[in-house]
Amino acid sequence: MYNITDKYIIITKKYITKYLKLVFERKFSKKICDEYIKTYINVRYYNLYEKGNYYTLRKEILLNIKEKKERMIVDNYANEDLIENMAVFFFYIVYFDKVTPYKNLDKIINNITTLRKKILNKENEDFRQNLFDLVQDDSKEKEQLLSKFESNEFFLKISNYENTSNVYRVNLKYNIEFPEIYSTIAIEKAFNMTTVSEDKLFVEYYMISVKILNDILKGNFKKQYILEFSDTLLKKKQKMNRLMKIINNLAIQDKISLKIRYEQFNKNKEQIYELMRNGFKIAVILDSTVNTERTEIERLNIFSYILINKDASYYDDIMKNKKILKNIIEI
């Protein structure tokens, strides 16, 4: 199975390396480049090392690159000038990777060209064009990757949970015209048959991966999505592993929860614990099998979200313990 986020990050790393190679030529250091890339990816895509909510993503990136530079100089003082210079040119990645919008690519490339001559004493007639082509190729390859997962047949219905901010339910919907002989009920029934229900998750997970990646590219790390999941997959290890591979990336895992009924959790604890150990979050839908004793209720905090029906007979027992539970969502 294809992991779009992994692939997108690989493309980003590739073009950052090409850019710095183009700037520094023989002075290029892969070791220094890789250190800066690692820090950059961790901030840009995984939102690690966050300094504070009052900083912009651009500021977060620049601060972390600066800190990385200072640590590398301490560890490798002999290469201080190269470490300093590579950091100076690395800062322009925020334009090429769409962190900071720009109106005029030529102006940015001219700034880099001037800086390159001033700091590195390098001036090539074809440098401007080569850099322009590199930036265009990077953008084109990324756009082609994202467009692979566009669909006219399916779309995601994303809606808010009541009284909950930045948490969204996700449902895959079809946009397919069927002959009039088929009733809407029959179509919905077929669409939700066990095998079909499992298979449509592959489409849903690809599409939500693109949605989350676009959120990240816009600097939005707050949105959380609760996805459908078929408990029948827990008995089909190979198929489930193929499905999980689509969303098996820290940037995606951090923003999704798989929806599982409490009854199915009890029946398949080991498989679900294995998912959680592998970084996947679970949103549990409470049902009549839930144990409302206080010690059992406290254990519900292993789930990222607790979904409870307002009309459920156990509703009051759960809600009176609301203070010890996190992330309850009424449905």
Protein backbone atom coordinates (compact mmCIF):
# COMPACT_ATOMS: atom_id res chain seq x y z
CA MET A 1 0.00 0.00 0.00
CA TYR A 2 1.03 3.59 -0.68
CA ASN A 3 1.79 6.03 2.13
CA ILE A 4 1.28 9.46 0.62
CA THR A 5 2.76 11.38 3.58
CA ASP A 6 5.95 9.33 3.58
CA LYS A 7 6.27 9.87 -0.16
CA TYR A 8 5.65 13.62 0.11
CA ILE A 9 8.33 13.98 2.79
CA ILE A 10 10.79 11.93 0.70
CA ILE A 11 10.23 14.35 -2.20
CA THR A 12 10.79 17.31 0.14
CA LYS A 13 14.06 15.85 1.43
CA LYS A 14 15.22 15.12 -2.11
CA TYR A 15 14.71 18.65 -3.36
CA ILE A 16 16.20 20.31 -0.27
CA THR A 17 19.34 18.24 -0.83
CA LYS A 18 19.43 19.14 -4.53
CA TYR A 19 18.98 22.82 -3.68
CA LEU A 20 21.88 22.91 -1.21
CA LYS A 21 24.07 20.89 -3.59
CA LEU A 22 23.35 23.43 -6.29
CA VAL A 23 24.26 26.33 -3.99
CA PHE A 24 27.42 24.89 -2.44
CA GLU A 25 28.69 22.61 -5.20
CA ARG A 26 31.93 20.96 -3.98
CA LYS A 27 31.64 22.50 -0.52
CA PHE A 28 28.32 20.73 0.05
CA SER A 29 28.24 18.54 3.19
CA LYS A 30 25.64 15.78 3.21
CA LYS A 31 26.09 15.27 6.95
CA ILE A 32 25.29 18.90 7.77
CA CYS A 33 22.47 18.96 5.21
CA ASP A 34 20.87 15.84 6.69
CA GLU A 35 20.98 17.30 10.20
CA TYR A 36 19.17 20.45 9.09
CA ILE A 37 16.65 18.41 7.08
CA LYS A 38 15.85 16.20 10.07
CA THR A 39 15.16 19.24 12.25
CA TYR A 40 13.14 20.91 9.51
CA ILE A 41 10.93 17.87 8.82
CA ASN A 42 10.27 17.37 12.54
CA VAL A 43 8.98 20.93 12.85
CA ARG A 44 7.37 21.41 9.42
CA TYR A 45 5.47 18.13 9.18
CA TYR A 46 5.42 16.60 12.67
CA ASN A 47 5.07 19.81 14.72
CA LEU A 48 7.74 18.67 17.17
CA TYR A 49 9.84 21.03 19.32
CA GLU A 50 7.00 23.55 19.46
CA LYS A 51 8.21 26.71 21.22
CA GLY A 52 4.80 28.19 21.89
CA ASN A 53 1.44 28.83 20.29
CA TYR A 54 2.25 32.50 19.81
CA TYR A 55 4.90 31.63 17.21
CA THR A 56 4.11 31.19 13.54
CA LEU A 57 5.19 27.98 11.83
CA ARG A 58 7.86 29.97 9.98
CA LYS A 59 9.20 31.32 13.27
CA GLU A 60 9.18 27.83 14.80
CA ILE A 61 11.22 26.50 11.88
CA LEU A 62 13.77 29.32 11.91
CA LEU A 63 14.25 29.10 15.68
CA ASN A 64 14.82 25.35 15.56
CA ILE A 65 17.23 25.57 12.63
CA LYS A 66 19.15 28.24 14.54
CA GLU A 67 19.33 26.02 17.63
CA LYS A 68 20.44 23.06 15.53
CA LYS A 69 23.15 25.24 13.97
CA GLU A 70 24.46 26.28 17.40
CA ARG A 71 24.57 22.67 18.65
CA MET A 72 26.39 21.49 15.52
CA ILE A 73 29.00 24.25 15.88
CA VAL A 74 29.69 23.17 19.46
CA ASP A 75 30.18 19.58 18.30
CA ASN A 76 32.08 20.43 15.11
CA TYR A 77 33.79 23.80 15.54
CA ALA A 78 36.24 23.14 12.71
CA ASN A 79 33.33 23.40 10.24
CA GLU A 80 31.75 26.47 11.82
CA ASP A 81 31.74 28.55 8.63
CA LEU A 82 30.13 25.82 6.53
CA ILE A 83 27.52 25.10 9.22
CA GLU A 84 26.73 28.84 9.44
CA ASN A 85 26.54 29.28 5.69
CA MET A 86 24.34 26.23 5.09
CA ALA A 87 21.92 27.53 7.71
CA VAL A 88 21.73 30.91 5.93
CA PHE A 89 20.68 29.28 2.66
CA PHE A 90 18.49 26.69 4.38
CA PHE A 91 16.21 29.47 5.63
CA TYR A 92 14.93 29.96 2.07
CA ILE A 93 13.31 26.52 2.21
CA VAL A 94 10.34 28.17 3.94
CA TYR A 95 9.47 29.72 0.57
CA PHE A 96 10.07 26.67 -1.59
CA ASP A 97 8.08 24.37 0.73
CA LYS A 98 5.09 26.72 0.97
CA VAL A 99 5.55 27.73 4.60
CA THR A 100 5.77 31.40 3.61
CA PRO A 101 3.75 32.52 0.55
CA TYR A 102 5.57 34.49 -2.12
CA LYS A 103 4.44 36.51 -5.12
CA ASN A 104 7.64 36.59 -7.12
CA LEU A 105 9.87 33.52 -7.37
CA ASP A 106 12.39 35.42 -9.50
CA LYS A 107 12.95 37.90 -6.69
CA ILE A 108 13.68 35.13 -4.18
CA ILE A 109 16.06 33.43 -6.59
CA ASN A 110 17.82 36.76 -7.22
CA ASN A 111 18.26 37.21 -3.46
CA ILE A 112 19.79 33.74 -3.18
CA THR A 113 22.05 34.41 -6.17
CA THR A 114 23.29 37.68 -4.66
CA LEU A 115 23.82 36.06 -1.27
CA ARG A 116 25.68 33.17 -2.88
CA LYS A 117 28.09 35.56 -4.58
CA LYS A 118 28.61 37.59 -1.39
CA ILE A 119 29.10 34.70 1.05
CA LEU A 120 30.51 31.92 -1.12
CA ASN A 121 32.05 33.99 -3.89
CA LYS A 122 30.25 31.78 -6.40
CA GLU A 123 28.67 33.06 -9.58
CA ASN A 124 27.44 30.79 -12.38
CA GLU A 125 25.57 32.04 -15.40
CA ASP A 126 23.18 29.09 -15.30
CA PHE A 127 22.61 29.08 -11.52
CA ARG A 128 19.42 31.17 -11.63
CA GLN A 129 17.81 29.02 -14.29
CA ASN A 130 18.87 25.76 -12.63
CA LEU A 131 17.41 26.88 -9.31
CA PHE A 132 14.21 28.07 -10.96
CA ASP A 133 13.82 24.71 -12.72
CA LEU A 134 14.51 22.87 -9.47
CA VAL A 135 11.79 24.74 -7.58
CA GLN A 136 9.32 24.19 -10.42
CA ASP A 137 10.12 20.47 -10.60
CA ASP A 138 9.63 20.14 -6.84
CA SER A 139 6.24 21.83 -7.00
CA LYS A 140 5.15 19.80 -10.02
CA GLU A 141 6.12 16.44 -8.51
CA LYS A 142 4.25 17.20 -5.30
CA GLU A 143 1.14 18.37 -7.15
CA GLN A 144 1.16 15.21 -9.26
CA LEU A 145 1.41 13.09 -6.12
CA LEU A 146 -1.58 14.76 -4.48
CA SER A 147 -3.66 14.64 -7.67
CA LYS A 148 -3.34 10.83 -7.80
CA PHE A 149 -5.85 10.59 -4.98
CA GLU A 150 -8.50 12.92 -6.35
CA SER A 151 -11.79 11.21 -7.13
CA ASN A 152 -15.02 12.07 -8.90
CA GLU A 153 -16.70 8.93 -7.57
CA PHE A 154 -16.11 9.45 -3.84
CA PHE A 155 -15.87 12.34 -1.42
CA LEU A 156 -15.40 12.79 2.30
CA LYS A 157 -18.22 14.17 4.39
CA ILE A 158 -16.53 15.95 7.28
CA SER A 159 -18.73 17.36 10.04
CA ASN A 160 -18.35 18.78 13.54
CA TYR A 161 -19.27 16.99 16.71
CA GLU A 162 -21.67 19.08 18.77
CA ASN A 163 -20.02 21.30 21.41
CA THR A 164 -16.57 20.08 20.41
CA SER A 165 -13.97 22.18 18.62
CA ASN A 166 -11.39 20.91 16.14
CA VAL A 167 -12.70 17.31 16.24
CA TYR A 168 -14.48 16.04 13.13
CA ARG A 169 -16.35 12.91 12.11
CA VAL A 170 -15.40 11.52 8.71
CA ASN A 171 -17.61 9.50 6.38
CA LEU A 172 -16.88 8.33 2.86
CA LYS A 173 -19.73 9.10 0.47
CA TYR A 174 -20.21 8.02 -3.11
CA ASN A 175 -21.01 10.23 -6.06
CA ILE A 176 -21.98 7.50 -8.49
CA GLU A 177 -25.12 7.44 -10.62
CA PHE A 178 -26.97 4.13 -10.52
CA PRO A 179 -29.82 3.00 -12.80
CA GLU A 180 -33.22 3.93 -11.40
CA ILE A 181 -34.07 0.26 -10.94
CA TYR A 182 -31.85 0.24 -7.86
CA SER A 183 -33.39 1.80 -4.78
CA THR A 184 -31.40 4.09 -2.50
CA ILE A 185 -31.82 1.59 0.34
CA ALA A 186 -30.45 -1.26 -1.76
CA ILE A 187 -27.48 0.84 -2.83
CA GLU A 188 -26.69 1.86 0.75
CA LYS A 189 -27.01 -1.75 1.90
CA ALA A 190 -24.62 -2.94 -0.79
CA PHE A 191 -22.22 -0.10 -0.02
CA ASN A 192 -22.10 -1.16 3.63
CA MET A 193 -21.77 -4.93 3.22
CA THR A 194 -18.88 -6.33 5.24
CA THR A 195 -16.36 -6.78 2.42
CA VAL A 196 -17.33 -3.54 0.72
CA SER A 197 -17.31 -1.75 4.07
CA GLU A 198 -13.74 -2.93 4.62
CA ASP A 199 -12.60 -2.06 1.12
CA LYS A 200 -14.05 1.44 1.14
CA LEU A 201 -11.82 2.21 4.14
CA PHE A 202 -8.85 2.08 1.78
CA VAL A 203 -10.41 4.93 -0.20
CA GLU A 204 -11.36 6.84 2.96
CA TYR A 205 -7.88 6.54 4.48
CA TYR A 206 -6.15 7.68 1.30
CA MET A 207 -8.46 10.67 1.01
CA ILE A 208 -8.15 11.69 4.67
CA SER A 209 -4.35 11.41 4.38
CA VAL A 210 -4.44 13.98 1.58
CA LYS A 211 -6.79 16.18 3.64
CA ILE A 212 -4.49 16.06 6.67
CA LEU A 213 -1.40 16.66 4.56
CA ASN A 214 -3.08 19.77 3.12
CA ASP A 215 -3.92 20.89 6.68
CA ILE A 216 -0.24 20.52 7.59
CA LEU A 217 0.91 22.39 4.49
CA LYS A 218 -1.30 25.28 5.63
CA GLY A 219 0.26 25.12 9.10
CA ASN A 220 -2.85 23.71 10.78
CA PHE A 221 -1.90 21.02 13.30
CA LYS A 222 -4.98 21.26 15.52
CA LYS A 223 -7.66 19.44 13.55
CA GLN A 224 -8.51 15.91 14.70
CA TYR A 225 -10.48 13.39 12.65
CA ILE A 226 -12.42 10.35 13.87
CA LEU A 227 -12.44 7.70 11.15
CA GLU A 228 -14.65 4.73 10.45
CA PHE A 229 -13.15 1.31 11.14
CA SER A 230 -14.46 -2.20 10.53
CA ASP A 231 -13.97 -4.57 13.46
CA THR A 232 -14.08 -7.52 11.02
CA LEU A 233 -10.58 -6.47 9.95
CA LEU A 234 -9.26 -7.46 13.36
CA LYS A 235 -9.55 -11.08 12.22
CA LYS A 236 -7.81 -10.36 8.90
CA LYS A 237 -4.27 -9.43 9.85
CA GLN A 238 -2.79 -9.07 6.36
CA LYS A 239 -5.63 -6.92 5.06
CA MET A 240 -5.60 -4.77 8.19
CA ASN A 241 -1.82 -4.28 7.92
CA ARG A 242 -2.23 -3.11 4.31
CA LEU A 243 -4.88 -0.64 5.42
CA MET A 244 -2.85 0.65 8.36
CA LYS A 245 0.17 1.23 6.13
CA ILE A 246 -1.75 4.05 4.42
CA ILE A 247 -1.94 6.03 7.67
CA ASN A 248 1.20 4.72 9.36
CA ASN A 249 3.01 8.03 9.62
CA LEU A 250 3.46 10.12 12.76
CA ALA A 251 2.03 13.23 11.11
CA ILE A 252 -1.18 11.35 10.23
CA GLN A 253 -1.43 9.19 13.35
CA ASP A 254 -1.30 12.29 15.54
CA LYS A 255 -4.47 13.63 13.92
CA ILE A 256 -6.73 10.59 13.56
CA SER A 257 -8.60 8.19 15.80
CA LEU A 258 -10.16 4.92 14.67
CA LYS A 259 -13.75 4.44 15.81
CA ILE A 260 -14.44 1.11 17.58
CA ARG A 261 -17.42 -0.03 19.65
CA TYR A 262 -16.73 -0.90 23.28
CA GLU A 263 -18.14 -4.41 22.82
CA GLN A 264 -15.66 -5.07 20.01
CA PHE A 265 -12.83 -3.66 22.09
CA ASN A 266 -13.58 -6.19 24.82
CA LYS A 267 -13.66 -9.03 22.30
CA ASN A 268 -10.46 -7.99 20.53
CA LYS A 269 -8.35 -6.35 23.22
CA GLU A 270 -5.00 -7.76 22.16
CA GLN A 271 -5.37 -6.70 18.52
CA ILE A 272 -6.52 -3.21 19.54
CA TYR A 273 -3.73 -2.83 22.10
CA GLU A 274 -1.32 -3.79 19.32
CA LEU A 275 -2.73 -0.99 17.16
CA MET A 276 -2.25 1.44 20.04
CA ARG A 277 1.32 0.27 20.65
CA ASN A 278 1.99 0.99 16.97
CA GLY A 279 0.91 4.61 17.41
CA PHE A 280 -2.75 4.45 16.33
CA LYS A 281 -5.32 6.19 18.52
CA ILE A 282 -8.74 4.71 19.25
CA ALA A 283 -12.05 6.51 19.77
CA VAL A 284 -14.40 4.20 21.62
CA ILE A 285 -18.18 4.19 21.13
CA LEU A 286 -19.73 3.20 24.44
CA ASP A 287 -22.55 0.66 24.39
CA SER A 288 -24.59 -1.41 26.85
CA THR A 289 -21.60 -3.66 27.61
CA VAL A 290 -19.69 -0.87 29.36
CA ASN A 291 -18.93 -1.39 33.05
CA THR A 292 -19.88 1.77 34.96
CA GLU A 293 -17.91 1.01 38.13
CA ARG A 294 -15.49 3.85 38.88
CA THR A 295 -12.33 1.77 38.46
CA GLU A 296 -13.53 0.57 35.06
CA ILE A 297 -14.59 4.05 33.98
CA GLU A 298 -11.10 5.40 34.75
CA ARG A 299 -9.68 2.88 32.30
CA LEU A 300 -11.58 4.56 29.48
CA ASN A 301 -8.84 7.21 29.45
CA ILE A 302 -6.70 4.91 27.31
CA PHE A 303 -8.90 6.04 24.41
CA SER A 304 -8.33 9.33 22.61
CA TYR A 305 -12.08 10.05 22.60
CA ILE A 306 -15.09 8.56 24.36
CA LEU A 307 -18.27 8.71 22.29
CA ILE A 308 -21.49 8.37 24.25
CA ASN A 309 -25.12 8.43 23.13
CA LYS A 310 -27.16 11.01 25.03
CA ASP A 311 -30.10 8.60 25.26
CA ALA A 312 -28.10 5.65 26.59
CA SER A 313 -29.20 4.05 29.86
CA TYR A 314 -25.65 4.35 31.22
CA TYR A 315 -25.32 8.03 30.23
CA ASP A 316 -25.79 9.45 33.76
CA ASP A 317 -23.36 6.94 35.31
CA ILE A 318 -20.67 7.96 32.85
CA MET A 319 -21.30 11.71 32.99
CA LYS A 320 -21.20 11.90 36.79
CA ASN A 321 -17.59 10.77 36.44
CA LYS A 322 -16.85 13.34 33.75
CA LYS A 323 -14.12 14.98 35.83
CA ILE A 324 -11.94 11.87 35.70
CA LEU A 325 -12.52 11.29 32.00
CA LYS A 326 -10.96 13.19 29.14
CA ASN A 327 -12.40 13.99 25.73
CA ILE A 328 -16.01 12.85 26.11
CA ILE A 329 -18.07 13.53 23.00
CA GLU A 330 -21.85 13.28 23.15
CA ILE A 331 -23.46 11.85 20.03
